[in-house]
Amino acid sequence: MPNWKSVNWLFVAGITTIAYVLGFVGWLGLDRILIYPTNNSLNEVGDFIAGVFSPLAFIWLVAAVLTQRQELTETRDQFEENQKIVDAQLKTINEQSELLKKQHILAEETAKKTYRLSLFEERYKIYRDFLAFGEKHQFVENLDTAYLEFNGLIQRAHFVFGKEICYWFEKISDAIYELIQLKQTPKVDGRFDDQTISGIRQVRSYLIDQFRLPIDQDRFYKSMRVSDD
């Protein structure tokens, strides 16, 4: 079947016009056509010309309509093709957007897991340092060093633990400082008085218990849990 969309209707109209003119001239004869205006009135000549050129006008009108329709069809086809391209691009953009969204969610989840793991590791490290501190210091000598060392542990704890652990650490720090003050009490006859000795024993006992009693170490167990938020 011929592809009517590719037909040049103006060219067809031109060929038809030439064929019509040649046929008309061949039918009437060129000499009769040339002498017709001289032998007839203007009205008759006008009617003759109108009758001759009416089919040509109709042919060119049809050719113009078909050409315009052809252009409109091409424009519509081009629009549909462009619409398909736009739809394909939108689909690609939506797929890419969906992929980026999934990647963002995955990256966010990975960051959260990494953060939780890092936070747990730092808390566990402080827990180990806390136990090592208790084994290292028996709160008999080097109290000033122990006080400074434990205050450093408190500073680290403030970054990774909640208020409960930090408050507990501060109480231990206050007890070490109190023990230092008791150790600086003036002696009488080379020894502390009974009240000072009792106070030193009570504070030392409290400090040692903080690093030995499971009930207190359970505070770490509860605080080791890292929330998903």
Protein backbone atom coordinates (compact mmCIF):
# COMPACT_ATOMS: atom_id res chain seq x y z
CA MET A 1 0.00 0.00 0.00
CA PRO A 2 1.28 3.51 -0.81
CA ASN A 3 2.34 5.69 2.05
CA TRP A 4 -0.02 8.65 1.64
CA LYS A 5 1.86 10.57 4.32
CA SER A 6 4.90 10.89 2.05
CA VAL A 7 3.01 12.00 -1.10
CA ASN A 8 3.84 15.51 -2.34
CA TRP A 9 0.32 16.67 -3.16
CA LEU A 10 1.47 19.97 -4.65
CA PHE A 11 3.67 18.06 -7.06
CA VAL A 12 0.70 15.82 -7.94
CA ALA A 13 -1.46 18.90 -8.47
CA GLY A 14 1.19 20.36 -10.78
CA ILE A 15 1.41 17.18 -12.86
CA THR A 16 -2.40 16.98 -13.00
CA THR A 17 -2.58 20.61 -14.10
CA ILE A 18 -0.09 20.03 -16.91
CA ALA A 19 -1.93 16.89 -18.03
CA TYR A 20 -5.26 18.75 -17.92
CA VAL A 21 -3.95 21.67 -19.94
CA LEU A 22 -2.34 19.42 -22.52
CA GLY A 23 -5.50 17.31 -22.77
CA PHE A 24 -7.70 20.39 -23.07
CA VAL A 25 -5.49 21.95 -25.74
CA GLY A 26 -5.29 18.67 -27.62
CA TRP A 27 -9.06 18.30 -27.51
CA LEU A 28 -10.03 21.80 -28.68
CA GLY A 29 -6.94 22.70 -30.60
CA LEU A 30 -4.66 25.63 -29.95
CA ASP A 31 -5.88 27.68 -32.94
CA ARG A 32 -9.53 27.48 -31.82
CA ILE A 33 -8.57 28.53 -28.29
CA LEU A 34 -6.59 31.52 -29.55
CA ILE A 35 -9.32 32.85 -31.85
CA TYR A 36 -12.18 32.21 -29.37
CA PRO A 37 -11.83 35.59 -27.54
CA THR A 38 -11.99 37.51 -30.84
CA ASN A 39 -15.17 35.81 -32.06
CA ASN A 40 -17.21 35.96 -28.87
CA SER A 41 -18.43 38.49 -26.33
CA LEU A 42 -16.69 39.17 -23.04
CA ASN A 43 -19.38 37.31 -21.10
CA GLU A 44 -18.90 34.24 -23.20
CA VAL A 45 -15.11 34.51 -22.86
CA GLY A 46 -15.48 34.88 -19.07
CA ASP A 47 -17.70 31.84 -18.87
CA PHE A 48 -15.26 29.92 -21.01
CA ILE A 49 -12.29 30.83 -18.81
CA ALA A 50 -14.25 30.02 -15.63
CA GLY A 51 -15.25 26.65 -17.04
CA VAL A 52 -11.68 25.89 -18.08
CA PHE A 53 -10.04 26.87 -14.79
CA SER A 54 -12.69 25.60 -12.32
CA PRO A 55 -11.32 22.02 -12.37
CA LEU A 56 -7.80 23.38 -11.86
CA ALA A 57 -8.97 25.45 -8.88
CA PHE A 58 -10.65 22.39 -7.43
CA ILE A 59 -7.50 20.30 -7.99
CA TRP A 60 -5.29 22.86 -6.22
CA LEU A 61 -7.80 23.29 -3.42
CA VAL A 62 -7.82 19.54 -2.81
CA ALA A 63 -4.00 19.49 -2.98
CA ALA A 64 -3.79 22.34 -0.44
CA VAL A 65 -6.22 20.60 1.93
CA LEU A 66 -4.37 17.29 1.66
CA THR A 67 -1.02 19.03 2.15
CA GLN A 68 -2.31 20.84 5.24
CA ARG A 69 -3.76 17.61 6.58
CA GLN A 70 -0.45 15.91 5.91
CA GLU A 71 1.40 18.64 7.84
CA LEU A 72 -1.04 18.37 10.74
CA THR A 73 -0.61 14.60 10.78
CA GLU A 74 3.18 14.97 10.81
CA THR A 75 2.90 17.53 13.60
CA ARG A 76 0.66 15.19 15.62
CA ASP A 77 3.01 12.26 15.03
CA GLN A 78 5.97 14.38 16.07
CA PHE A 79 4.09 15.49 19.18
CA GLU A 80 3.26 11.87 20.05
CA GLU A 81 6.88 10.90 19.53
CA ASN A 82 8.04 13.76 21.74
CA GLN A 83 5.46 12.76 24.34
CA LYS A 84 6.84 9.21 24.32
CA ILE A 85 10.34 10.58 24.82
CA VAL A 86 9.16 12.81 27.67
CA ASP A 87 7.29 9.90 29.28
CA ALA A 88 10.39 7.73 28.98
CA GLN A 89 12.51 10.49 30.53
CA LEU A 90 10.00 10.95 33.36
CA LYS A 91 10.01 7.21 33.97
CA THR A 92 13.80 7.22 34.08
CA ILE A 93 13.79 10.22 36.43
CA ASN A 94 11.25 8.51 38.71
CA GLU A 95 13.31 5.32 38.73
CA GLN A 96 16.46 7.30 39.51
CA SER A 97 14.61 9.23 42.22
CA GLU A 98 13.38 5.94 43.72
CA LEU A 99 16.91 4.54 43.57
CA LEU A 100 18.37 7.65 45.20
CA LYS A 101 15.69 7.44 47.90
CA LYS A 102 16.60 3.81 48.60
CA GLN A 103 20.30 4.69 48.62
CA HIS A 104 19.62 7.57 51.01
CA ILE A 105 17.65 5.29 53.35
CA LEU A 106 20.39 2.65 53.15
CA ALA A 107 23.10 5.25 53.81
CA GLU A 108 21.09 6.61 56.74
CA GLU A 109 20.64 3.14 58.21
CA THR A 110 24.33 2.38 57.69
CA ALA A 111 25.27 5.67 59.37
CA LYS A 112 22.99 4.86 62.31
CA LYS A 113 24.46 1.38 62.68
CA THR A 114 27.99 2.76 62.43
CA TYR A 115 27.17 5.40 65.02
CA ARG A 116 25.57 2.87 67.38
CA LEU A 117 28.52 0.52 67.01
CA SER A 118 31.01 3.34 67.59
CA LEU A 119 29.03 4.54 70.61
CA PHE A 120 28.87 1.03 72.07
CA GLU A 121 32.61 0.54 71.53
CA GLU A 122 33.41 3.80 73.31
CA ARG A 123 31.08 2.95 76.19
CA TYR A 124 32.63 -0.50 76.49
CA LYS A 125 36.10 1.03 76.48
CA ILE A 126 35.15 3.34 79.34
CA TYR A 127 33.68 0.34 81.16
CA ARG A 128 36.98 -1.54 80.78
CA ASP A 129 38.95 1.52 81.87
CA PHE A 130 36.67 1.86 84.87
CA LEU A 131 37.37 -1.71 85.98
CA ALA A 132 41.09 -1.26 85.31
CA PHE A 133 41.05 1.90 87.41
CA GLY A 134 39.56 -0.02 90.34
CA GLU A 135 42.23 -2.74 90.06
CA LYS A 136 45.01 -0.19 89.76
CA HIS A 137 44.09 2.04 92.72
CA GLN A 138 43.44 0.69 96.16
CA PHE A 139 42.87 4.23 97.49
CA VAL A 140 45.82 4.04 99.85
CA GLU A 141 48.47 6.00 97.97
CA ASN A 142 48.66 8.32 94.96
CA LEU A 143 45.18 9.69 95.61
CA ASP A 144 45.91 12.91 93.72
CA THR A 145 46.86 10.90 90.63
CA ALA A 146 43.76 8.74 91.02
CA TYR A 147 41.58 11.84 91.35
CA LEU A 148 42.93 13.42 88.17
CA GLU A 149 42.74 10.14 86.27
CA PHE A 150 39.15 9.53 87.27
CA ASN A 151 38.12 13.06 86.37
CA GLY A 152 39.49 12.38 82.88
CA LEU A 153 37.25 9.31 82.78
CA ILE A 154 34.30 11.50 83.79
CA GLN A 155 34.97 13.88 80.90
CA ARG A 156 34.94 10.98 78.45
CA ALA A 157 31.75 9.56 80.02
CA HIS A 158 29.89 12.85 79.47
CA PHE A 159 30.19 12.36 75.69
CA VAL A 160 28.77 8.83 75.50
CA PHE A 161 26.77 8.07 78.67
CA GLY A 162 23.57 9.47 80.10
CA LYS A 163 23.06 11.39 83.33
CA GLU A 164 22.85 8.28 85.53
CA ILE A 165 26.40 7.06 84.83
CA CYS A 166 27.86 10.58 84.89
CA TYR A 167 26.19 11.33 88.22
CA TRP A 168 27.53 8.04 89.62
CA PHE A 169 31.04 8.87 88.41
CA GLU A 170 30.84 12.32 90.00
CA LYS A 171 29.89 10.76 93.35
CA ILE A 172 32.96 8.50 93.10
CA SER A 173 35.11 11.52 92.22
CA ASP A 174 33.71 13.41 95.25
CA ALA A 175 34.52 10.42 97.46
CA ILE A 176 38.13 10.34 96.21
CA TYR A 177 38.44 14.07 96.89
CA GLU A 178 36.93 13.56 100.37
CA LEU A 179 39.49 10.82 101.02
CA ILE A 180 42.26 13.20 99.98
CA GLN A 181 40.96 15.80 102.44
CA LEU A 182 40.77 13.22 105.23
CA LYS A 183 44.34 12.11 104.51
CA GLN A 184 45.46 15.74 104.94
CA THR A 185 43.96 15.98 108.43
CA PRO A 186 46.66 16.89 110.99
CA LYS A 187 47.88 13.92 112.98
CA VAL A 188 48.14 13.77 116.76
CA ASP A 189 51.18 11.92 118.08
CA GLY A 190 51.89 10.64 114.59
CA ARG A 191 48.42 9.20 113.99
CA PHE A 192 44.94 10.30 112.96
CA ASP A 193 42.24 10.65 115.53
CA ASP A 194 39.54 7.97 115.72
CA GLN A 195 36.95 10.04 113.88
CA THR A 196 39.30 10.65 110.95
CA ILE A 197 40.30 6.99 110.83
CA SER A 198 36.64 5.96 110.80
CA GLY A 199 35.91 8.45 108.03
CA ILE A 200 38.85 7.16 105.94
CA ARG A 201 37.70 3.57 106.35
CA GLN A 202 34.14 4.39 105.38
CA VAL A 203 35.15 6.32 102.27
CA ARG A 204 37.70 3.68 101.20
CA SER A 205 35.11 0.95 101.72
CA TYR A 206 32.60 2.89 99.61
CA LEU A 207 35.12 3.42 96.84
CA ILE A 208 36.23 -0.22 96.76
CA ASP A 209 32.63 -1.38 96.70
CA GLN A 210 31.88 0.77 93.64
CA PHE A 211 34.39 -1.23 91.62
CA ARG A 212 33.45 -4.66 93.00
CA LEU A 213 29.73 -4.91 93.66
CA PRO A 214 27.82 -6.45 90.70
CA ILE A 215 24.77 -4.35 91.55
CA ASP A 216 26.72 -1.22 90.71
CA GLN A 217 28.34 -2.73 87.64
CA ASP A 218 24.83 -3.52 86.41
CA ARG A 219 24.47 0.20 85.83
CA PHE A 220 26.87 -0.25 82.95
CA TYR A 221 24.81 -3.14 81.59
CA LYS A 222 21.72 -0.99 81.36
CA SER A 223 23.62 1.99 79.97
CA MET A 224 25.43 -0.07 77.32
CA ARG A 225 22.24 -0.38 75.29
CA VAL A 226 22.22 1.98 72.35
CA SER A 227 18.82 3.20 71.18
CA ASP A 228 17.84 2.95 67.51
CA ASP A 229 16.76 6.61 67.55
